[in-house]
C-alpha cells in the first residue's frame, strides 16, 4: 500500500490496492490524489466514512472523487472520476 502524510487532516493517508488499481485504470497520478485529499471538499457519510471530491479542469474526466475511511489514519478505498459539462446548459424559454 502507498501512503503519504496529510497536512490538512494531520494524519497518514493510505491507498488500498483497490484504490491504486483504480488510479492506474483512470490514469490518475499520486500527485493528483495528494491534491484531492489536501484541497478537495470532504462530505461525511456517517461517523467514519465519507467522500472527498475536487474539480480538475485540465482532465477530460474533470471531477475526481475518493471514498475514504477517516479514523486514526485516512484510508482511500476507491477512486472515481466523472465528466462534468464544461458549459452550463442553455436556458429554455417558454
Protein backbone atom coordinates (compact mmCIF):
# COMPACT_ATOMS: atom_id res chain seq x y z
CA UNK A 1 0.00 0.00 0.00
CA UNK A 2 1.14 3.52 -0.83
CA UNK A 3 0.95 6.27 1.82
CA UNK A 4 1.67 9.94 2.46
CA UNK A 5 1.16 12.46 5.27
CA UNK A 6 -1.78 14.90 5.02
CA UNK A 7 -1.09 18.37 6.42
CA UNK A 8 -4.80 19.19 6.13
CA UNK A 9 -6.02 16.27 8.24
CA UNK A 10 -2.84 15.80 10.29
CA UNK A 11 -2.97 12.08 9.55
CA UNK A 12 -1.30 9.45 7.42
CA UNK A 13 -3.21 8.68 4.21
CA UNK A 14 -3.13 5.10 2.95
CA UNK A 15 -4.17 3.97 -0.53
CA UNK A 16 -5.58 0.44 -0.70
CA UNK A 17 -4.58 -1.87 -3.52
CA UNK A 18 -8.07 -1.35 -4.99
CA UNK A 19 -7.53 2.44 -4.98
CA UNK A 20 -4.15 2.03 -6.68
CA UNK A 21 -5.71 -0.21 -9.33
CA UNK A 22 -8.47 2.38 -9.85
CA UNK A 23 -5.82 5.08 -10.28
CA UNK A 24 -4.00 3.03 -12.93
CA UNK A 25 -7.21 2.37 -14.88
CA UNK A 26 -8.14 6.06 -14.81
CA UNK A 27 -4.62 7.44 -15.38
CA UNK A 28 -4.63 9.27 -12.04
CA UNK A 29 -1.29 10.25 -10.52
CA UNK A 30 -0.27 10.20 -6.86
CA UNK A 31 0.23 13.98 -7.09
CA UNK A 32 -3.43 14.36 -8.16
CA UNK A 33 -4.55 12.19 -5.23
CA UNK A 34 -2.49 14.32 -2.86
CA UNK A 35 -4.14 17.48 -4.23
CA UNK A 36 -7.54 15.81 -3.98
CA UNK A 37 -7.00 14.98 -0.29
CA UNK A 38 -5.48 18.36 0.62
CA UNK A 39 -7.78 20.63 -1.43
CA UNK A 40 -10.95 18.67 -2.09
CA UNK A 41 -14.32 19.04 -0.41
CA UNK A 42 -15.00 16.46 2.30
CA UNK A 43 -18.51 15.10 2.77
CA UNK A 44 -19.04 12.77 5.69
CA UNK A 45 -21.30 9.77 5.31
CA UNK A 46 -21.57 8.56 8.86
CA UNK A 47 -19.02 8.87 11.63
CA UNK A 48 -16.03 7.36 9.87
CA UNK A 49 -16.83 7.15 6.15
CA UNK A 50 -17.00 9.87 3.56
CA UNK A 51 -16.13 11.23 0.17
CA UNK A 52 -13.52 13.76 -0.89
CA UNK A 53 -14.00 15.33 -4.29
CA UNK A 54 -12.33 18.04 -6.37
CA UNK A 55 -12.67 19.54 -9.81
CA UNK A 56 -9.61 19.10 -12.07
CA UNK A 57 -10.34 21.36 -15.07
CA UNK A 58 -7.42 20.14 -17.22
CA UNK A 59 -8.54 16.50 -17.11
CA UNK A 60 -11.14 15.15 -19.52
CA UNK A 61 -12.83 13.43 -16.57
CA UNK A 62 -12.68 16.60 -14.56
CA UNK A 63 -14.33 15.63 -11.24
CA UNK A 64 -12.33 13.22 -9.12
CA UNK A 65 -13.72 11.55 -6.01
CA UNK A 66 -12.21 9.32 -3.32
CA UNK A 67 -14.19 7.06 -0.99
CA UNK A 68 -12.41 7.25 2.36
CA UNK A 69 -12.45 5.87 5.87
CA UNK A 70 -11.49 8.62 8.33
CA UNK A 71 -10.22 7.23 11.66
CA UNK A 72 -6.71 7.41 13.18
CA UNK A 73 -5.50 7.40 9.57
CA UNK A 74 -7.30 8.09 6.32
CA UNK A 75 -7.76 5.07 4.10
CA UNK A 76 -8.61 5.70 0.45
CA UNK A 77 -10.67 2.74 -0.73
CA UNK A 78 -11.69 3.77 -4.21
CA UNK A 79 -11.07 6.47 -6.82
CA UNK A 80 -13.81 7.54 -9.21
CA UNK A 81 -13.98 10.26 -11.79
CA UNK A 82 -16.82 11.89 -13.66
CA UNK A 83 -17.11 14.20 -16.60
CA UNK A 84 -18.83 17.49 -15.85
CA UNK A 85 -20.16 19.65 -18.64
CA UNK A 86 -17.76 22.46 -19.35
CA UNK A 87 -20.58 24.87 -20.07
CA UNK A 88 -23.89 25.14 -18.22
CA UNK A 89 -26.97 24.09 -20.19
CA UNK A 90 -28.66 26.83 -22.16
CA UNK A 91 -31.84 28.11 -20.55
CA UNK A 92 -35.13 27.18 -22.13
CA UNK A 93 -37.66 29.92 -22.61
CA UNK A 94 -41.40 29.43 -22.61
